[in-house]
Protein backbone atom coordinates (compact mmCIF):
# COMPACT_ATOMS: atom_id res chain seq x y z
CA UNK A 1 61.58 -110.56 -73.46
CA UNK A 2 57.97 -111.55 -73.76
CA UNK A 3 54.47 -110.74 -72.59
CA UNK A 4 53.14 -110.94 -69.06
CA UNK A 5 49.95 -110.08 -67.17
CA UNK A 6 49.65 -107.81 -64.18
CA UNK A 7 46.21 -107.45 -62.69
CA UNK A 8 43.76 -107.20 -65.62
CA UNK A 9 46.28 -105.92 -68.19
CA UNK A 10 48.89 -107.47 -70.41
CA UNK A 11 52.34 -105.96 -70.85
CA UNK A 12 55.17 -106.40 -73.37
CA UNK A 13 58.80 -106.61 -72.20
CA UNK A 14 61.80 -106.14 -74.55
CA UNK A 15 65.23 -104.57 -74.72
CA UNK A 16 66.72 -101.84 -76.92
CA UNK A 17 70.52 -101.37 -76.85
CA UNK A 18 70.61 -103.09 -73.47
CA UNK A 19 67.83 -100.91 -72.02
CA UNK A 20 64.76 -102.74 -70.79
CA UNK A 21 61.40 -101.37 -71.94
CA UNK A 22 58.00 -102.42 -70.65
CA UNK A 23 54.75 -101.20 -72.19
CA UNK A 24 51.20 -101.81 -71.02
CA UNK A 25 49.00 -102.88 -73.91
CA UNK A 26 45.55 -103.71 -72.51
CA UNK A 27 43.29 -106.57 -71.47
CA UNK A 28 43.91 -108.65 -74.61
CA UNK A 29 46.69 -111.25 -74.57
CA UNK A 30 46.41 -111.63 -78.31
CA UNK A 31 46.93 -107.91 -78.87
CA UNK A 32 49.94 -107.96 -76.51
CA UNK A 33 51.54 -110.74 -78.59
CA UNK A 34 50.97 -108.69 -81.78
CA UNK A 35 52.51 -105.60 -80.23
CA UNK A 36 55.55 -107.54 -79.00
CA UNK A 37 56.07 -108.97 -82.49
CA UNK A 38 55.91 -105.47 -83.94
CA UNK A 39 58.36 -104.10 -81.39
CA UNK A 40 60.90 -106.87 -82.10
CA UNK A 41 60.74 -106.15 -85.82
CA UNK A 42 61.33 -102.46 -85.11
CA UNK A 43 64.30 -103.31 -82.90
CA UNK A 44 65.73 -105.55 -85.63
CA UNK A 45 65.32 -102.78 -88.19
CA UNK A 46 67.02 -100.26 -85.98
CA UNK A 47 64.04 -97.96 -85.63
CA UNK A 48 64.66 -97.51 -81.92
CA UNK A 49 68.19 -96.18 -82.33
CA UNK A 50 66.94 -92.60 -82.65
CA UNK A 51 64.10 -92.89 -80.18
CA UNK A 52 64.11 -90.13 -77.58
CA UNK A 53 64.53 -91.11 -73.99
CA UNK A 54 61.61 -89.64 -72.07
CA UNK A 55 61.54 -88.73 -68.45
CA UNK A 56 59.25 -90.97 -66.36
CA UNK A 57 56.46 -88.60 -65.27
CA UNK A 58 53.25 -89.30 -63.41
CA UNK A 59 50.09 -87.71 -64.75
CA UNK A 60 49.35 -85.65 -61.63
CA UNK A 61 52.89 -84.27 -61.67
CA UNK A 62 52.60 -83.25 -65.28
CA UNK A 63 49.15 -81.74 -64.60
CA UNK A 64 50.86 -79.11 -62.38
CA UNK A 65 53.39 -78.33 -65.10
CA UNK A 66 50.67 -78.04 -67.73
CA UNK A 67 48.51 -75.72 -65.60
CA UNK A 68 51.46 -73.39 -65.15
CA UNK A 69 51.71 -73.27 -68.93
CA UNK A 70 47.95 -72.73 -69.21
CA UNK A 71 48.04 -69.85 -66.70
CA UNK A 72 50.45 -67.95 -68.92
CA UNK A 73 49.28 -68.92 -72.41
CA UNK A 74 45.54 -69.59 -72.34
CA UNK A 75 42.46 -67.49 -71.70
CA UNK A 76 40.38 -70.32 -70.18
CA UNK A 77 42.79 -71.16 -67.37
CA UNK A 78 40.10 -71.26 -64.68
CA UNK A 79 38.00 -73.59 -66.81
CA UNK A 80 40.96 -75.93 -67.35
CA UNK A 81 41.62 -76.05 -63.59
CA UNK A 82 38.03 -77.22 -63.17
CA UNK A 83 38.34 -79.89 -65.88
CA UNK A 84 41.73 -81.04 -64.60
CA UNK A 85 40.24 -82.16 -61.28
CA UNK A 86 38.33 -84.98 -63.05
CA UNK A 87 41.33 -86.01 -65.16
CA UNK A 88 43.61 -86.14 -62.16
CA UNK A 89 41.13 -88.32 -60.29
CA UNK A 90 41.04 -90.75 -63.20
CA UNK A 91 44.77 -90.84 -64.23
CA UNK A 92 46.65 -89.18 -61.35
CA UNK A 93 49.17 -91.84 -60.16
CA UNK A 94 49.75 -93.32 -63.61
CA UNK A 95 52.86 -92.67 -65.70
CA UNK A 96 52.14 -90.75 -68.91
CA UNK A 97 53.80 -93.51 -70.91
CA UNK A 98 51.45 -96.11 -69.40
CA UNK A 99 48.19 -94.39 -70.40
CA UNK A 100 46.75 -95.97 -73.55
CA UNK A 101 43.89 -95.32 -75.89
CA UNK A 102 42.03 -98.10 -74.10
CA UNK A 103 42.29 -96.18 -70.81
CA UNK A 104 40.95 -93.04 -72.50
CA UNK A 105 38.05 -95.01 -74.01
CA UNK A 106 37.20 -96.37 -70.56
CA UNK A 107 37.21 -92.84 -69.13
CA UNK A 108 34.94 -91.65 -71.91
CA UNK A 109 32.54 -94.55 -71.32
CA UNK A 110 32.35 -93.76 -67.60
CA UNK A 111 31.52 -90.13 -68.31
CA UNK A 112 28.79 -90.88 -70.89
CA UNK A 113 25.39 -90.49 -69.26
CA UNK A 114 26.78 -88.65 -66.24
CA UNK A 115 27.36 -85.44 -68.19
CA UNK A 116 26.48 -83.99 -71.61
CA UNK A 117 28.49 -85.18 -74.67
CA UNK A 118 29.93 -81.66 -75.04
CA UNK A 119 31.40 -81.89 -71.54
CA UNK A 120 33.03 -85.26 -72.30
CA UNK A 121 34.53 -83.76 -75.44
CA UNK A 122 35.97 -80.85 -73.54
CA UNK A 123 37.67 -83.33 -71.23
CA UNK A 124 39.14 -85.18 -74.25
CA UNK A 125 40.29 -81.95 -75.84
CA UNK A 126 42.22 -80.94 -72.71
CA UNK A 127 43.68 -84.43 -72.33
CA UNK A 128 44.72 -84.49 -75.98
CA UNK A 129 46.51 -81.18 -75.75
CA UNK A 130 48.24 -82.23 -72.52
CA UNK A 131 49.78 -85.20 -74.31
CA UNK A 132 50.71 -83.05 -77.28
CA UNK A 133 52.70 -80.79 -74.94
CA UNK A 134 54.09 -83.77 -73.02
CA UNK A 135 55.56 -85.17 -76.26
CA UNK A 136 57.01 -81.77 -77.10
CA UNK A 137 58.58 -81.46 -73.65
CA UNK A 138 60.00 -85.00 -73.63
CA UNK A 139 57.56 -86.43 -71.09
CA UNK A 140 55.66 -88.82 -73.42
CA UNK A 141 56.20 -90.66 -76.70
CA UNK A 142 52.66 -90.96 -78.03
CA UNK A 143 49.27 -89.30 -77.76
CA UNK A 144 46.66 -91.95 -76.77
CA UNK A 145 43.75 -89.52 -77.32
CA UNK A 146 44.37 -89.31 -81.09
CA UNK A 147 42.80 -92.72 -81.63
CA UNK A 148 39.69 -91.90 -79.55
CA UNK A 149 36.59 -90.63 -81.35
CA UNK A 150 34.77 -87.63 -79.97
CA UNK A 151 31.09 -87.86 -79.09
CA UNK A 152 28.50 -86.34 -81.37
CA UNK A 153 27.11 -83.18 -79.85
CA UNK A 154 23.44 -82.19 -80.20
CA UNK A 155 24.07 -78.57 -79.32
CA UNK A 156 20.56 -77.34 -80.05
CA UNK A 157 19.32 -76.60 -76.53
CA UNK A 158 17.56 -73.26 -76.33
CA UNK A 159 15.92 -72.41 -73.01
CA UNK A 160 14.72 -68.83 -72.52
CA UNK A 161 12.82 -67.01 -69.83
CA UNK A 162 9.17 -66.14 -70.15
CA UNK A 163 8.13 -62.68 -68.94
CA UNK A 164 6.66 -64.18 -65.76
CA UNK A 165 9.82 -66.22 -65.06
CA UNK A 166 11.94 -63.11 -65.54
CA UNK A 167 9.89 -61.15 -63.02
CA UNK A 168 10.13 -63.94 -60.48
CA UNK A 169 13.87 -64.42 -61.00
CA UNK A 170 14.74 -60.76 -60.63
CA UNK A 171 12.67 -60.53 -57.45
CA UNK A 172 14.88 -63.24 -55.90
CA UNK A 173 18.22 -61.70 -56.91
CA UNK A 174 20.46 -59.57 -54.73
CA UNK A 175 21.03 -56.04 -56.09
CA UNK A 176 24.45 -56.98 -57.48
CA UNK A 177 23.22 -60.21 -59.07
CA UNK A 178 20.12 -58.46 -60.39
CA UNK A 179 22.32 -55.97 -62.28
CA UNK A 180 24.35 -58.83 -63.73
CA UNK A 181 21.22 -60.68 -64.89
CA UNK A 182 19.56 -57.62 -66.40
CA UNK A 183 22.72 -56.75 -68.32
CA UNK A 184 22.99 -60.29 -69.61
CA UNK A 185 19.36 -60.21 -70.80
CA UNK A 186 19.95 -56.98 -72.71
CA UNK A 187 23.38 -57.65 -74.14
CA UNK A 188 23.69 -61.39 -74.60
CA UNK A 189 27.10 -61.35 -72.93
CA UNK A 190 28.46 -64.60 -71.46
CA UNK A 191 29.12 -64.80 -67.72
CA UNK A 192 32.89 -64.42 -68.17
CA UNK A 193 32.44 -61.49 -70.51
CA UNK A 194 30.23 -59.67 -68.03
CA UNK A 195 32.55 -60.26 -65.08
CA UNK A 196 35.53 -58.94 -67.14
CA UNK A 197 33.79 -55.66 -68.04
CA UNK A 198 35.67 -52.57 -66.94
CA UNK A 199 34.36 -49.00 -66.89
CA UNK A 200 36.73 -48.24 -69.75
CA UNK A 201 34.63 -50.64 -71.83
CA UNK A 202 31.43 -48.63 -71.26
CA UNK A 203 31.03 -45.61 -73.53
CA UNK A 204 28.00 -43.55 -72.52
CA UNK A 205 28.68 -41.12 -75.35
CA UNK A 206 28.35 -43.66 -78.15
CA UNK A 207 26.03 -45.94 -76.18
CA UNK A 208 28.25 -49.02 -76.66
CA UNK A 209 29.42 -51.68 -74.23
CA UNK A 210 32.53 -53.52 -75.50
CA UNK A 211 33.92 -56.95 -74.65
CA UNK A 212 37.67 -57.02 -75.25
CA UNK A 213 39.10 -59.75 -77.47
CA UNK A 214 40.93 -61.36 -74.56
CA UNK A 215 37.62 -62.37 -72.96
CA UNK A 216 35.49 -63.42 -75.98
CA UNK A 217 35.14 -67.01 -77.04
CA UNK A 218 36.27 -66.42 -80.61
CA UNK A 219 39.07 -64.00 -79.68
CA UNK A 220 37.47 -61.02 -81.37
CA UNK A 221 36.44 -57.72 -79.83
CA UNK A 222 32.64 -57.21 -79.75
CA UNK A 223 30.55 -54.10 -79.08
CA UNK A 224 26.78 -54.12 -78.30
CA UNK A 225 24.59 -51.03 -78.13
CA UNK A 226 23.06 -50.22 -74.74
CA UNK A 227 19.30 -50.52 -74.45
CA UNK A 228 17.59 -47.84 -72.35
CA UNK A 229 17.38 -50.35 -69.51
CA UNK A 230 21.11 -51.08 -69.55
CA UNK A 231 22.04 -47.44 -69.93
CA UNK A 232 19.98 -46.52 -66.85
CA UNK A 233 21.36 -49.46 -64.86
CA UNK A 234 24.98 -48.71 -65.74
CA UNK A 235 24.56 -45.00 -65.20
CA UNK A 236 23.32 -45.70 -61.66
CA UNK A 237 26.14 -48.17 -60.97
CA UNK A 238 28.69 -45.70 -62.27
CA UNK A 239 27.30 -42.95 -60.07
CA UNK A 240 27.48 -45.14 -56.94
CA UNK A 241 30.60 -47.11 -57.85
CA UNK A 242 33.53 -47.73 -55.56
CA UNK A 243 37.08 -46.96 -56.72
CA UNK A 244 37.43 -50.28 -58.57
CA UNK A 245 37.86 -50.59 -62.31
CA UNK A 246 35.31 -53.39 -62.88
CA UNK A 247 31.64 -52.77 -63.63
CA UNK A 248 30.49 -55.62 -61.41
CA UNK A 249 32.20 -55.72 -58.04
CA UNK A 250 31.45 -57.05 -54.61
CA UNK A 251 29.61 -54.80 -52.18
CA UNK A 252 32.82 -54.27 -50.21
CA UNK A 253 34.96 -53.89 -53.29
CA UNK A 254 36.93 -56.35 -55.39
CA UNK A 255 36.01 -58.18 -58.55
CA UNK A 256 32.73 -60.11 -58.50
CA UNK A 257 34.01 -63.54 -59.54
CA UNK A 258 31.56 -66.34 -58.78
CA UNK A 259 27.83 -65.60 -59.06
CA UNK A 260 27.04 -69.20 -60.03
CA UNK A 261 25.92 -70.39 -56.61
CA UNK A 262 23.92 -67.24 -55.91
CA UNK A 263 22.27 -67.40 -59.31
CA UNK A 264 21.33 -71.07 -58.96
CA UNK A 265 19.84 -70.34 -55.54
CA UNK A 266 17.78 -67.45 -56.97
CA UNK A 267 16.52 -69.73 -59.76
CA UNK A 268 15.40 -72.30 -57.18
CA UNK A 269 13.66 -69.71 -55.02
CA UNK A 270 11.88 -68.37 -58.08
CA UNK A 271 10.56 -71.87 -58.85
CA UNK A 272 12.17 -71.97 -62.28
CA UNK A 273 13.30 -75.33 -63.61
CA UNK A 274 16.03 -76.31 -66.07
CA UNK A 275 17.61 -72.84 -66.32
CA UNK A 276 21.30 -71.90 -66.29
CA UNK A 277 23.11 -68.60 -66.41
CA UNK A 278 24.04 -69.16 -70.06
CA UNK A 279 20.34 -69.34 -70.84
CA UNK A 280 20.15 -65.62 -70.26
CA UNK A 281 22.13 -65.34 -73.49
CA UNK A 282 19.63 -67.66 -75.16
CA UNK A 283 16.84 -65.44 -73.92
CA UNK A 284 18.49 -62.33 -75.40
CA UNK A 285 18.88 -63.99 -78.81
CA UNK A 286 15.44 -65.66 -78.82
CA UNK A 287 13.66 -62.40 -78.02
CA UNK A 288 15.45 -60.65 -80.85
CA UNK A 289 14.51 -63.40 -83.28
CA UNK A 290 10.88 -63.36 -82.15
CA UNK A 291 10.78 -59.60 -82.57
CA UNK A 292 11.67 -60.04 -86.24
CA UNK A 293 15.36 -59.05 -86.01
CA UNK A 294 17.34 -60.65 -88.86
CA UNK A 295 19.49 -63.64 -88.00
CA UNK A 296 22.59 -61.95 -89.43
CA UNK A 297 22.18 -59.09 -86.99
CA UNK A 298 21.62 -61.57 -84.14
CA UNK A 299 24.79 -63.35 -85.24
CA UNK A 300 26.79 -60.11 -85.07
CA UNK A 301 25.45 -59.18 -81.63
CA UNK A 302 26.26 -62.65 -80.27
CA UNK A 303 29.68 -62.77 -81.88
CA UNK A 304 29.09 -66.05 -83.68
CA UNK A 305 31.59 -66.70 -86.48
CA UNK A 306 29.24 -69.10 -88.32
CA UNK A 307 25.55 -68.47 -89.03
CA UNK A 308 24.90 -72.15 -88.24
CA UNK A 309 25.38 -71.31 -84.54
CA UNK A 310 22.68 -68.62 -84.77
CA UNK A 311 20.14 -70.75 -86.64
CA UNK A 312 19.08 -72.37 -83.38
CA UNK A 313 17.32 -69.06 -82.60
CA UNK A 314 15.22 -69.17 -85.75
CA UNK A 315 12.56 -70.99 -83.73
CA UNK A 316 9.54 -69.06 -82.41
CA UNK A 317 7.53 -69.34 -79.23
CA UNK A 318 4.11 -71.09 -79.39
CA UNK A 319 2.24 -67.78 -79.16
CA UNK A 320 4.43 -66.20 -81.83
CA UNK A 321 3.96 -69.20 -84.13
CA UNK A 322 0.22 -68.92 -83.68
CA UNK A 323 0.29 -65.23 -84.60
CA UNK A 324 2.41 -66.06 -87.64
CA UNK A 325 0.03 -68.75 -88.87
CA UNK A 326 -2.96 -66.44 -88.31
CA UNK A 327 -1.60 -64.26 -91.13
CA UNK A 328 -2.83 -67.00 -93.46
CA UNK A 329 -6.39 -66.32 -92.37
CA UNK A 330 -6.06 -62.69 -93.42
CA UNK A 331 -4.56 -63.80 -96.72
CA UNK A 332 -7.45 -66.20 -97.36
CA UNK A 333 -10.05 -63.62 -96.40
CA UNK A 334 -8.43 -61.01 -98.61
CA UNK A 335 -8.35 -63.48 -101.51
CA UNK A 336 -12.00 -64.34 -101.01
CA UNK A 337 -12.94 -60.64 -100.90
CA UNK A 338 -10.97 -60.06 -104.08
CA UNK A 339 -12.81 -62.93 -105.80
CA UNK A 340 -16.16 -61.48 -104.66
CA UNK A 341 -15.24 -58.03 -105.90
CA UNK A 342 -14.23 -59.42 -109.29
CA UNK A 343 -17.47 -61.43 -109.58
CA UNK A 344 -19.60 -58.37 -108.79
CA UNK A 345 -17.61 -56.36 -111.28
CA UNK A 346 -18.19 -58.94 -113.98
CA UNK A 347 -21.95 -59.06 -113.23
CA UNK A 348 -22.18 -55.27 -113.39
CA UNK A 349 -20.36 -55.16 -116.70
CA UNK A 350 -22.65 -57.65 -118.33
CA UNK A 351 -25.81 -56.13 -116.85
CA UNK A 352 -25.00 -52.86 -118.64
CA UNK A 353 -24.51 -54.57 -122.07
CA UNK A 354 -27.43 -54.56 -124.60
CA UNK A 355 -28.05 -57.98 -126.16
CA UNK A 356 -29.26 -58.60 -129.75
CA UNK A 357 -32.62 -59.88 -128.67
CA UNK A 358 -33.22 -56.76 -126.61
CA UNK A 359 -32.26 -54.30 -129.37
CA UNK A 360 -35.08 -52.29 -131.13
CA UNK A 361 -36.27 -53.47 -134.57
CA UNK A 362 -35.16 -50.20 -136.18
CA UNK A 363 -31.63 -50.96 -135.15
CA UNK A 364 -31.81 -54.22 -137.09
CA UNK A 365 -32.90 -52.61 -140.36
CA UNK A 366 -30.39 -52.48 -143.13
């Protein structure tokens, strides 16, 4: 029993009921000595007698097991497959029991600067849930992500299209992509919500387009009224549709799944900078706010559970702010006119009043 160093890391080595246990602690020899002392006390007190024996499992092996679970139980399976690629590259060959909070902190530090804080946090969330399930399934004994602090997210970015940018973007889109973009601009639907739309979700009689709860971010069904533009677009698509059930399909049939590359290419050709597909949703909400639509209504249309998420759209464009401030000029002018009117009224009142000095002498006689 004792501590030893392998590479850059220190390990503790001890026995419980004749079974040898080795744990990697980190780069600190002092911390390794402290951990060994703690383990020996626990052994002496019998705390290890009921400890579960876990199956030695590598991270990349468990990733496959977890994704099978995700496919069946989670709505964001495709997103988790995408995130898992980075986690497997970082932790793949390692045993789950060897991964420590220090390793997770190093991963977080490497990601900072390369991607947005929100993206790093999504990685940590997935990793944390993986270890939660690994403990439940007897593949791990502790969750190293619990001790890692999430990054602070400044989720206030609002980028929306100007009218000129919208014209340029639509001119560069294929017919199918153009329909997707226009619908996003007039409904505020997310990309996944649009691609999941079926013709059963489009009610031309009531004028509503509905996103089913299985595809919304908050898990609640949401219906948005069709604008005249969307009604005309969907009516045309319905008239010329193939036999498929989805609103947006490939030209040759089949669900239209990945417009990201085509959209980004159209944005580049249109000469638009710093614009993502999700910003179409920002454009929808910003235009409503600038048109004077109440934030509570905007919140309902976007499907936000908290008004704090909608407050980001309370900003106004530069031109709209200028028009708003110009109202003050009208108020000042109106106030000045009112003061002038009152002054003239007062002068008129006094000019029609007879003073004592001007009164005739007969009027003064007693």
